[in-house]
Amino acid sequence: MIQPNCVILSVLNAWTWGMKTGDPVRIAVQSIEPGIDHAQAEACIYGHWTPITEIWTGDHLEIRIHPRHYPDIEPYRYAGLMDWINENIKYVQKDDVAAL
């Protein structure tokens, strides 16, 4: 079974939150171990950048304010949503991207 990863989920979370609320969004990137990064969406809520994530309620998926997935590790960079998508689109097959 193929499961989504943090790159895909961070895009889903930021895009959904931004579309629903109009809040600015970005992606926080953390280095969790050498060669392995983690991405989590953030929204600027009442002037404060706040981590968000997806939660399966048992009935549906919700995007919620949520503590940082790796709270003891500071992000080393932040990317705007479209910048993040453009950086990672290369991992999708070229034919799929052309169809967009």
PDB file of N, CA and C in Angstrom:
ATOM      1  N   MET A   1       0.842  -1.169   0.000  1.00  0.00           N
ATOM      2  CA  MET A   1       0.000   0.000   0.000  1.00  0.00           C
ATOM      3  C   MET A   1       0.898   1.246   0.000  1.00  0.00           C
ATOM      4  N   ILE A   2       0.562   2.212  -0.814  1.00  0.00           N
ATOM      5  CA  ILE A   2       1.288   3.467  -0.859  1.00  0.00           C
ATOM      6  C   ILE A   2       0.605   4.446   0.092  1.00  0.00           C
ATOM      7  N   GLN A   3       1.401   5.050   0.965  1.00  0.00           N
ATOM      8  CA  GLN A   3       0.861   6.024   1.900  1.00  0.00           C
ATOM      9  C   GLN A   3       1.412   7.401   1.565  1.00  0.00           C
ATOM     10  N   PRO A   4       0.630   8.444   1.799  1.00  0.00           N
ATOM     11  CA  PRO A   4       1.134   9.797   1.535  1.00  0.00           C
ATOM     12  C   PRO A   4       2.284  10.115   2.483  1.00  0.00           C
ATOM     13  N   ASN A   5       3.153  11.018   2.042  1.00  0.00           N
ATOM     14  CA  ASN A   5       4.263  11.423   2.896  1.00  0.00           C
ATOM     15  C   ASN A   5       4.090  12.882   3.317  1.00  0.00           C
ATOM     16  N   CYS A   6       5.032  13.359   4.097  1.00  0.00           N
ATOM     17  CA  CYS A   6       4.887  14.702   4.671  1.00  0.00           C
ATOM     18  C   CYS A   6       4.886  15.805   3.618  1.00  0.00           C
ATOM     19  N   VAL A   7       5.547  15.602   2.487  1.00  0.00           N
ATOM     20  CA  VAL A   7       5.523  16.625   1.432  1.00  0.00           C
ATOM     21  C   VAL A   7       4.092  16.797   0.923  1.00  0.00           C
ATOM     22  N   ILE A   8       3.471  15.696   0.594  1.00  0.00           N
ATOM     23  CA  ILE A   8       2.102  15.730   0.070  1.00  0.00           C
ATOM     24  C   ILE A   8       1.124  16.247   1.126  1.00  0.00           C
ATOM     25  N   LEU A   9       1.254  15.752   2.346  1.00  0.00           N
ATOM     26  CA  LEU A   9       0.335  16.167   3.396  1.00  0.00           C
ATOM     27  C   LEU A   9       0.513  17.636   3.763  1.00  0.00           C
ATOM     28  N   SER A  10       1.746  18.130   3.733  1.00  0.00           N
ATOM     29  CA  SER A  10       1.947  19.550   4.032  1.00  0.00           C
ATOM     30  C   SER A  10       1.273  20.421   2.978  1.00  0.00           C
ATOM     31  N   VAL A  11       1.312  20.008   1.716  1.00  0.00           N
ATOM     32  CA  VAL A  11       0.626  20.753   0.650  1.00  0.00           C
ATOM     33  C   VAL A  11      -0.887  20.698   0.874  1.00  0.00           C
ATOM     34  N   LEU A  12      -1.413  19.514   1.123  1.00  0.00           N
ATOM     35  CA  LEU A  12      -2.849  19.359   1.390  1.00  0.00           C
ATOM     36  C   LEU A  12      -3.291  20.262   2.537  1.00  0.00           C
ATOM     37  N   ASN A  13      -2.546  20.227   3.629  1.00  0.00           N
ATOM     38  CA  ASN A  13      -2.938  20.984   4.817  1.00  0.00           C
ATOM     39  C   ASN A  13      -2.863  22.487   4.590  1.00  0.00           C
ATOM     40  N   ALA A  14      -1.765  22.945   4.007  1.00  0.00           N
ATOM     41  CA  ALA A  14      -1.614  24.383   3.760  1.00  0.00           C
ATOM     42  C   ALA A  14      -2.658  24.866   2.760  1.00  0.00           C
ATOM     43  N   TRP A  15      -2.825  24.133   1.670  1.00  0.00           N
ATOM     44  CA  TRP A  15      -3.764  24.544   0.628  1.00  0.00           C
ATOM     45  C   TRP A  15      -5.191  24.603   1.193  1.00  0.00           C
ATOM     46  N   THR A  16      -5.586  23.556   1.901  1.00  0.00           N
ATOM     47  CA  THR A  16      -6.941  23.490   2.436  1.00  0.00           C
ATOM     48  C   THR A  16      -7.186  24.611   3.443  1.00  0.00           C
ATOM     49  N   TRP A  17      -6.249  24.801   4.362  1.00  0.00           N
ATOM     50  CA  TRP A  17      -6.407  25.852   5.377  1.00  0.00           C
ATOM     51  C   TRP A  17      -6.480  27.225   4.713  1.00  0.00           C
ATOM     52  N   GLY A  18      -5.550  27.480   3.801  1.00  0.00           N
ATOM     53  CA  GLY A  18      -5.520  28.775   3.129  1.00  0.00           C
ATOM     54  C   GLY A  18      -6.783  29.064   2.338  1.00  0.00           C
ATOM     55  N   MET A  19      -7.287  28.060   1.633  1.00  0.00           N
ATOM     56  CA  MET A  19      -8.506  28.243   0.837  1.00  0.00           C
ATOM     57  C   MET A  19      -9.713  28.485   1.739  1.00  0.00           C
ATOM     58  N   LYS A  20      -9.782  27.795   2.858  1.00  0.00           N
ATOM     59  CA  LYS A  20     -10.944  27.891   3.741  1.00  0.00           C
ATOM     60  C   LYS A  20     -10.944  29.177   4.570  1.00  0.00           C
ATOM     61  N   THR A  21      -9.753  29.582   5.059  1.00  0.00           N
ATOM     62  CA  THR A  21      -9.696  30.698   6.006  1.00  0.00           C
ATOM     63  C   THR A  21      -9.164  31.993   5.401  1.00  0.00           C
ATOM     64  N   GLY A  22      -8.384  31.875   4.325  1.00  0.00           N
ATOM     65  CA  GLY A  22      -7.717  33.041   3.766  1.00  0.00           C
ATOM     66  C   GLY A  22      -6.436  33.412   4.500  1.00  0.00           C
ATOM     67  N   ASP A  23      -6.080  32.647   5.535  1.00  0.00           N
ATOM     68  CA  ASP A  23      -4.839  32.906   6.267  1.00  0.00           C
ATOM     69  C   ASP A  23      -3.632  32.607   5.389  1.00  0.00           C
ATOM     70  N   PRO A  24      -2.548  33.377   5.523  1.00  0.00           N
ATOM     71  CA  PRO A  24      -1.305  33.018   4.842  1.00  0.00           C
ATOM     72  C   PRO A  24      -0.819  31.650   5.358  1.00  0.00           C
ATOM     73  N   VAL A  25      -0.206  30.887   4.487  1.00  0.00           N
ATOM     74  CA  VAL A  25       0.310  29.568   4.857  1.00  0.00           C
ATOM     75  C   VAL A  25       1.736  29.416   4.349  1.00  0.00           C
ATOM     76  N   ARG A  26       2.455  28.493   4.956  1.00  0.00           N
ATOM     77  CA  ARG A  26       3.814  28.176   4.539  1.00  0.00           C
ATOM     78  C   ARG A  26       4.137  26.763   5.000  1.00  0.00           C
ATOM     79  N   ILE A  27       5.294  26.289   4.581  1.00  0.00           N
ATOM     80  CA  ILE A  27       5.756  24.968   4.971  1.00  0.00           C
ATOM     81  C   ILE A  27       7.015  25.129   5.815  1.00  0.00           C
ATOM     82  N   ALA A  28       7.021  24.525   7.002  1.00  0.00           N
ATOM     83  CA  ALA A  28       8.198  24.504   7.869  1.00  0.00           C
ATOM     84  C   ALA A  28       8.936  23.190   7.613  1.00  0.00           C
ATOM     85  N   VAL A  29      10.247  23.280   7.412  1.00  0.00           N
ATOM     86  CA  VAL A  29      11.050  22.087   7.118  1.00  0.00           C
ATOM     87  C   VAL A  29      12.048  21.887   8.254  1.00  0.00           C
ATOM     88  N   GLN A  30      12.059  20.674   8.793  1.00  0.00           N
ATOM     89  CA  GLN A  30      12.957  20.313   9.884  1.00  0.00           C
ATOM     90  C   GLN A  30      13.888  19.196   9.428  1.00  0.00           C
ATOM     91  N   SER A  31      15.102  19.215   9.921  1.00  0.00           N
ATOM     92  CA  SER A  31      16.033  18.114   9.691  1.00  0.00           C
ATOM     93  C   SER A  31      15.914  17.183  10.889  1.00  0.00           C
ATOM     94  N   ILE A  32      15.280  16.018  10.688  1.00  0.00           N
ATOM     95  CA  ILE A  32      15.037  15.135  11.830  1.00  0.00           C
ATOM     96  C   ILE A  32      16.178  14.151  12.064  1.00  0.00           C
ATOM     97  N   GLU A  33      16.969  13.891  11.037  1.00  0.00           N
ATOM     98  CA  GLU A  33      18.214  13.140  11.167  1.00  0.00           C
ATOM     99  C   GLU A  33      19.003  13.365   9.895  1.00  0.00           C
ATOM    100  N   PRO A  34      20.288  13.077   9.896  1.00  0.00           N
ATOM    101  CA  PRO A  34      21.082  13.359   8.696  1.00  0.00           C
ATOM    102  C   PRO A  34      20.448  12.760   7.434  1.00  0.00           C
ATOM    103  N   GLY A  35      20.189  13.623   6.463  1.00  0.00           N
ATOM    104  CA  GLY A  35      19.619  13.185   5.186  1.00  0.00           C
ATOM    105  C   GLY A  35      18.116  13.016   5.178  1.00  0.00           C
ATOM    106  N   ILE A  36      17.449  13.240   6.297  1.00  0.00           N
ATOM    107  CA  ILE A  36      15.991  13.071   6.355  1.00  0.00           C
ATOM    108  C   ILE A  36      15.354  14.330   6.919  1.00  0.00           C
ATOM    109  N   ASP A  37      14.505  14.954   6.099  1.00  0.00           N
ATOM    110  CA  ASP A  37      13.771  16.146   6.498  1.00  0.00           C
ATOM    111  C   ASP A  37      12.306  15.805   6.731  1.00  0.00           C
ATOM    112  N   HIS A  38      11.637  16.697   7.424  1.00  0.00           N
ATOM    113  CA  HIS A  38      10.199  16.573   7.648  1.00  0.00           C
ATOM    114  C   HIS A  38       9.545  17.918   7.352  1.00  0.00           C
ATOM    115  N   ALA A  39       8.402  17.880   6.691  1.00  0.00           N
ATOM    116  CA  ALA A  39       7.660  19.092   6.341  1.00  0.00           C
ATOM    117  C   ALA A  39       6.319  19.103   7.069  1.00  0.00           C
ATOM    118  N   GLN A  40       5.969  20.283   7.596  1.00  0.00           N
ATOM    119  CA  GLN A  40       4.669  20.458   8.231  1.00  0.00           C
ATOM    120  C   GLN A  40       4.142  21.840   7.862  1.00  0.00           C
ATOM    121  N   ALA A  41       2.883  21.898   7.530  1.00  0.00           N
ATOM    122  CA  ALA A  41       2.254  23.169   7.171  1.00  0.00           C
ATOM    123  C   ALA A  41       2.095  24.050   8.403  1.00  0.00           C
ATOM    124  N   GLU A  42       2.138  25.358   8.149  1.00  0.00           N
ATOM    125  CA  GLU A  42       1.844  26.352   9.169  1.00  0.00           C
ATOM    126  C   GLU A  42       0.899  27.387   8.568  1.00  0.00           C
ATOM    127  N   ALA A  43       0.060  27.954   9.419  1.00  0.00           N
ATOM    128  CA  ALA A  43      -0.826  29.047   9.012  1.00  0.00           C
ATOM    129  C   ALA A  43      -0.562  30.232   9.932  1.00  0.00           C
ATOM    130  N   CYS A  44      -0.647  31.425   9.374  1.00  0.00           N
ATOM    131  CA  CYS A  44      -0.488  32.636  10.177  1.00  0.00           C
ATOM    132  C   CYS A  44      -1.866  32.989  10.732  1.00  0.00           C
ATOM    133  N   ILE A  45      -2.095  32.618  11.980  1.00  0.00           N
ATOM    134  CA  ILE A  45      -3.393  32.776  12.634  1.00  0.00           C
ATOM    135  C   ILE A  45      -3.266  33.890  13.671  1.00  0.00           C
ATOM    136  N   TYR A  46      -4.023  34.945  13.485  1.00  0.00           N
ATOM    137  CA  TYR A  46      -3.968  36.112  14.376  1.00  0.00           C
ATOM    138  C   TYR A  46      -2.535  36.611  14.543  1.00  0.00           C
ATOM    139  N   GLY A  47      -1.768  36.588  13.427  1.00  0.00           N
ATOM    140  CA  GLY A  47      -0.420  37.135  13.433  1.00  0.00           C
ATOM    141  C   GLY A  47       0.673  36.209  13.941  1.00  0.00           C
ATOM    142  N   HIS A  48       0.330  34.963  14.253  1.00  0.00           N
ATOM    143  CA  HIS A  48       1.324  34.005  14.759  1.00  0.00           C
ATOM    144  C   HIS A  48       1.362  32.766  13.865  1.00  0.00           C
ATOM    145  N   TRP A  49       2.568  32.380  13.440  1.00  0.00           N
ATOM    146  CA  TRP A  49       2.709  31.163  12.638  1.00  0.00           C
ATOM    147  C   TRP A  49       2.455  29.966  13.536  1.00  0.00           C
ATOM    148  N   THR A  50       1.480  29.154  13.141  1.00  0.00           N
ATOM    149  CA  THR A  50       0.965  28.064  13.957  1.00  0.00           C
ATOM    150  C   THR A  50       0.973  26.767  13.152  1.00  0.00           C
ATOM    151  N   PRO A  51       1.589  25.692  13.673  1.00  0.00           N
ATOM    152  CA  PRO A  51       1.563  24.417  12.954  1.00  0.00           C
ATOM    153  C   PRO A  51       0.136  23.867  12.824  1.00  0.00           C
ATOM    154  N   ILE A  52      -0.127  23.243  11.687  1.00  0.00           N
ATOM    155  CA  ILE A  52      -1.412  22.583  11.438  1.00  0.00           C
ATOM    156  C   ILE A  52      -1.140  21.183  10.891  1.00  0.00           C
ATOM    157  N   THR A  53      -2.127  20.320  10.985  1.00  0.00           N
ATOM    158  CA  THR A  53      -1.982  18.966  10.450  1.00  0.00           C
ATOM    159  C   THR A  53      -3.365  18.397  10.138  1.00  0.00           C
ATOM    160  N   GLU A  54      -3.362  17.238   9.501  1.00  0.00           N
ATOM    161  CA  GLU A  54      -4.612  16.552   9.187  1.00  0.00           C
ATOM    162  C   GLU A  54      -4.897  15.510  10.269  1.00  0.00           C
ATOM    163  N   ILE A  55      -6.159  15.384  10.600  1.00  0.00           N
ATOM    164  CA  ILE A  55      -6.606  14.417  11.600  1.00  0.00           C
ATOM    165  C   ILE A  55      -7.782  13.638  10.997  1.00  0.00           C
ATOM    166  N   TRP A  56      -7.701  12.314  11.048  1.00  0.00           N
ATOM    167  CA  TRP A  56      -8.832  11.484  10.634  1.00  0.00           C
ATOM    168  C   TRP A  56      -9.719  11.301  11.850  1.00  0.00           C
ATOM    169  N   THR A  57     -10.947  11.765  11.781  1.00  0.00           N
ATOM    170  CA  THR A  57     -11.859  11.733  12.928  1.00  0.00           C
ATOM    171  C   THR A  57     -12.566  10.382  13.071  1.00  0.00           C
ATOM    172  N   GLY A  58     -12.389   9.508  12.107  1.00  0.00           N
ATOM    173  CA  GLY A  58     -13.158   8.274  12.067  1.00  0.00           C
ATOM    174  C   GLY A  58     -14.327   8.408  11.125  1.00  0.00           C
ATOM    175  N   ASP A  59     -14.648   9.651  10.793  1.00  0.00           N
ATOM    176  CA  ASP A  59     -15.744   9.951   9.882  1.00  0.00           C
ATOM    177  C   ASP A  59     -15.251  10.738   8.669  1.00  0.00           C
ATOM    178  N   HIS A  60     -14.310  11.652   8.892  1.00  0.00           N
ATOM    179  CA  HIS A  60     -13.798  12.486   7.813  1.00  0.00           C
ATOM    180  C   HIS A  60     -12.432  13.061   8.203  1.00  0.00           C
ATOM    181  N   LEU A  61     -11.772  13.640   7.235  1.00  0.00           N
ATOM    182  CA  LEU A  61     -10.480  14.270   7.449  1.00  0.00           C
ATOM    183  C   LEU A  61     -10.690  15.730   7.831  1.00  0.00           C
ATOM    184  N   GLU A  62      -9.992  16.194   8.856  1.00  0.00           N
ATOM    185  CA  GLU A  62     -10.041  17.594   9.263  1.00  0.00           C
ATOM    186  C   GLU A  62      -8.627  18.146   9.301  1.00  0.00           C
ATOM    187  N   ILE A  63      -8.484  19.413   8.952  1.00  0.00           N
ATOM    188  CA  ILE A  63      -7.220  20.123   9.102  1.00  0.00           C
ATOM    189  C   ILE A  63      -7.367  20.957  10.369  1.00  0.00           C
ATOM    190  N   ARG A  64      -6.431  20.776  11.307  1.00  0.00           N
ATOM    191  CA  ARG A  64      -6.539  21.427  12.603  1.00  0.00           C
ATOM    192  C   ARG A  64      -5.204  22.028  13.035  1.00  0.00           C
ATOM    193  N   ILE A  65      -5.300  22.992  13.957  1.00  0.00           N
ATOM    194  CA  ILE A  65      -4.108  23.441  14.673  1.00  0.00           C
ATOM    195  C   ILE A  65      -3.587  22.230  15.430  1.00  0.00           C
ATOM    196  N   HIS A  66      -2.268  22.050  15.391  1.00  0.00           N
ATOM    197  CA  HIS A  66      -1.675  20.860  16.006  1.00  0.00           C
ATOM    198  C   HIS A  66      -0.233  21.166  16.373  1.00  0.00           C
ATOM    199  N   PRO A  67       0.251  20.658  17.486  1.00  0.00           N
ATOM    200  CA  PRO A  67       1.665  20.892  17.822  1.00  0.00           C
ATOM    201  C   PRO A  67       2.597  20.396  16.716  1.00  0.00           C
ATOM    202  N   ARG A  68       3.774  20.979  16.694  1.00  0.00           N
ATOM    203  CA  ARG A  68       4.779  20.536  15.727  1.00  0.00           C
ATOM    204  C   ARG A  68       5.002  19.035  15.897  1.00  0.00           C
ATOM    205  N   HIS A  69       5.116  18.307  14.794  1.00  0.00           N
ATOM    206  CA  HIS A  69       5.300  16.857  14.839  1.00  0.00           C
ATOM    207  C   HIS A  69       6.588  16.467  15.563  1.00  0.00           C
ATOM    208  N   TYR A  70       7.636  17.269  15.382  1.00  0.00           N
ATOM    209  CA  TYR A  70       8.912  17.055  16.066  1.00  0.00           C
ATOM    210  C   TYR A  70       9.196  18.313  16.893  1.00  0.00           C
ATOM    211  N   PRO A  71       8.607  18.408  18.094  1.00  0.00           N
ATOM    212  CA  PRO A  71       8.636  19.664  18.845  1.00  0.00           C
ATOM    213  C   PRO A  71      10.013  20.093  19.336  1.00  0.00           C
ATOM    214  N   ASP A  72      10.946  19.181  19.441  1.00  0.00           N
ATOM    215  CA  ASP A  72      12.269  19.524  19.956  1.00  0.00           C
ATOM    216  C   ASP A  72      13.241  19.957  18.868  1.00  0.00           C
ATOM    217  N   ILE A  73      12.784  20.010  17.626  1.00  0.00           N
ATOM    218  CA  ILE A  73      13.659  20.365  16.503  1.00  0.00           C
ATOM    219  C   ILE A  73      13.109  21.621  15.825  1.00  0.00           C
ATOM    220  N   GLU A  74      13.902  22.673  15.826  1.00  0.00           N
ATOM    221  CA  GLU A  74      13.494  23.913  15.158  1.00  0.00           C
ATOM    222  C   GLU A  74      13.564  23.750  13.640  1.00  0.00           C
ATOM    223  N   PRO A  75      12.599  24.283  12.906  1.00  0.00           N
ATOM    224  CA  PRO A  75      12.708  24.268  11.446  1.00  0.00           C
ATOM    225  C   PRO A  75      13.966  25.027  11.009  1.00  0.00           C
ATOM    226  N   TYR A  76      14.587  24.525   9.954  1.00  0.00           N
ATOM    227  CA  TYR A  76      15.768  25.219   9.432  1.00  0.00           C
ATOM    228  C   TYR A  76      15.421  26.084   8.229  1.00  0.00           C
ATOM    229  N   ARG A  77      14.199  25.926   7.719  1.00  0.00           N
ATOM    230  CA  ARG A  77      13.764  26.792   6.620  1.00  0.00           C
ATOM    231  C   ARG A  77      12.249  26.777   6.528  1.00  0.00           C
ATOM    232  N   TYR A  78      11.751  27.796   5.829  1.00  0.00           N
ATOM    233  CA  TYR A  78      10.316  27.925   5.579  1.00  0.00           C
ATOM    234  C   TYR A  78      10.153  28.189   4.087  1.00  0.00           C
ATOM    235  N   ALA A  79       9.133  27.593   3.499  1.00  0.00           N
ATOM    236  CA  ALA A  79       8.868  27.786   2.074  1.00  0.00           C
ATOM    237  C   ALA A  79       7.421  28.191   1.888  1.00  0.00           C
ATOM    238  N   GLY A  80       7.187  29.127   0.974  1.00  0.00           N
ATOM    239  CA  GLY A  80       5.820  29.443   0.585  1.00  0.00           C
ATOM    240  C   GLY A  80       5.207  28.231  -0.100  1.00  0.00           C
ATOM    241  N   LEU A  81       3.906  28.147  -0.094  1.00  0.00           N
ATOM    242  CA  LEU A  81       3.223  26.972  -0.637  1.00  0.00           C
ATOM    243  C   LEU A  81       3.592  26.714  -2.096  1.00  0.00           C
ATOM    244  N   MET A  82       3.511  27.723  -2.950  1.00  0.00           N
ATOM    245  CA  MET A  82       3.820  27.495  -4.372  1.00  0.00           C
ATOM    246  C   MET A  82       5.302  27.180  -4.572  1.00  0.00           C
ATOM    247  N   ASP A  83       6.176  27.807  -3.797  1.00  0.00           N
ATOM    248  CA  ASP A  83       7.596  27.466  -3.886  1.00  0.00           C
ATOM    249  C   ASP A  83       7.817  25.999  -3.521  1.00  0.00           C
ATOM    250  N   TRP A  84       7.138  25.547  -2.476  1.00  0.00           N
ATOM    251  CA  TRP A  84       7.256  24.155  -2.029  1.00  0.00           C
ATOM    252  C   TRP A  84       6.741  23.189  -3.101  1.00  0.00           C
ATOM    253  N   ILE A  85       5.615  23.504  -3.684  1.00  0.00           N
ATOM    254  CA  ILE A  85       5.066  22.674  -4.756  1.00  0.00           C
ATOM    255  C   ILE A  85       6.048  22.638  -5.924  1.00  0.00           C
ATOM    256  N   ASN A  86       6.558  23.794  -6.334  1.00  0.00           N
ATOM    257  CA  ASN A  86       7.491  23.842  -7.466  1.00  0.00           C
ATOM    258  C   ASN A  86       8.781  23.089  -7.188  1.00  0.00           C
ATOM    259  N   GLU A  87       9.263  23.116  -5.953  1.00  0.00           N
ATOM    260  CA  GLU A  87      10.468  22.364  -5.604  1.00  0.00           C
ATOM    261  C   GLU A  87      10.246  20.859  -5.692  1.00  0.00           C
ATOM    262  N   ASN A  88       9.061  20.408  -5.374  1.00  0.00           N
ATOM    263  CA  ASN A  88       8.806  18.972  -5.252  1.00  0.00           C
ATOM    264  C   ASN A  88       8.096  18.353  -6.443  1.00  0.00           C
ATOM    265  N   ILE A  89       7.633  19.157  -7.383  1.00  0.00           N
ATOM    266  CA  ILE A  89       6.887  18.640  -8.526  1.00  0.00           C
ATOM    267  C   ILE A  89       7.752  17.722  -9.391  1.00  0.00           C
ATOM    268  N   LYS A  90       9.063  17.880  -9.316  1.00  0.00           N
ATOM    269  CA  LYS A  90       9.968  17.059 -10.123  1.00  0.00           C
ATOM    270  C   LYS A  90       9.877  15.578  -9.768  1.00  0.00           C
ATOM    271  N   TYR A  91       9.311  15.260  -8.611  1.00  0.00           N
ATOM    272  CA  TYR A  91       9.182  13.866  -8.209  1.00  0.00           C
ATOM    273  C   TYR A  91       7.946  13.196  -8.806  1.00  0.00           C
ATOM    274  N   VAL A  92       7.135  13.978  -9.508  1.00  0.00           N
ATOM    275  CA  VAL A  92       5.961  13.442 -10.198  1.00  0.00           C
ATOM    276  C   VAL A  92       6.357  13.200 -11.653  1.00  0.00           C
ATOM    277  N   GLN A  93       5.834  12.177 -12.257  1.00  0.00           N
ATOM    278  CA  GLN A  93       6.187  11.877 -13.645  1.00  0.00           C
ATOM    279  C   GLN A  93       5.887  13.058 -14.563  1.00  0.00           C
ATOM    280  N   LYS A  94       6.776  13.291 -15.496  1.00  0.00           N
ATOM    281  CA  LYS A  94       6.659  14.432 -16.401  1.00  0.00           C
ATOM    282  C   LYS A  94       5.313  14.449 -17.129  1.00  0.00           C
ATOM    283  N   ASP A  95       4.822  13.294 -17.562  1.00  0.00           N
ATOM    284  CA  ASP A  95       3.539  13.240 -18.287  1.00  0.00           C
ATOM    285  C   ASP A  95       2.385  13.684 -17.386  1.00  0.00           C
ATOM    286  N   ASP A  96       2.459  13.349 -16.106  1.00  0.00           N
ATOM    287  CA  ASP A  96       1.405  13.757 -15.177  1.00  0.00           C
ATOM    288  C   ASP A  96       1.383  15.276 -15.015  1.00  0.00           C
ATOM    289  N   VAL A  97       2.555  15.884 -14.929  1.00  0.00           N
ATOM    290  CA  VAL A  97       2.653  17.323 -14.753  1.00  0.00           C
ATOM    291  C   VAL A  97       2.139  18.043 -16.006  1.00  0.00           C
ATOM    292  N   ALA A  98       2.453  17.521 -17.187  1.00  0.00           N
ATOM    293  CA  ALA A  98       2.006  18.146 -18.436  1.00  0.00           C
ATOM    294  C   ALA A  98       0.488  18.181 -18.528  1.00  0.00           C
ATOM    295  N   ALA A  99      -0.172  17.216 -17.900  1.00  0.00           N
ATOM    296  CA  ALA A  99      -1.627  17.150 -17.964  1.00  0.00           C
ATOM    297  C   ALA A  99      -2.294  18.205 -17.069  1.00  0.00           C
ATOM    298  N   LEU A 100      -1.526  18.810 -16.154  1.00  0.00           N
ATOM    299  CA  LEU A 100      -2.118  19.791 -15.236  1.00  0.00           C
ATOM    300  C   LEU A 100      -2.526  21.048 -15.928  1.00  0.00           C
TER     301      LEU A 100
END
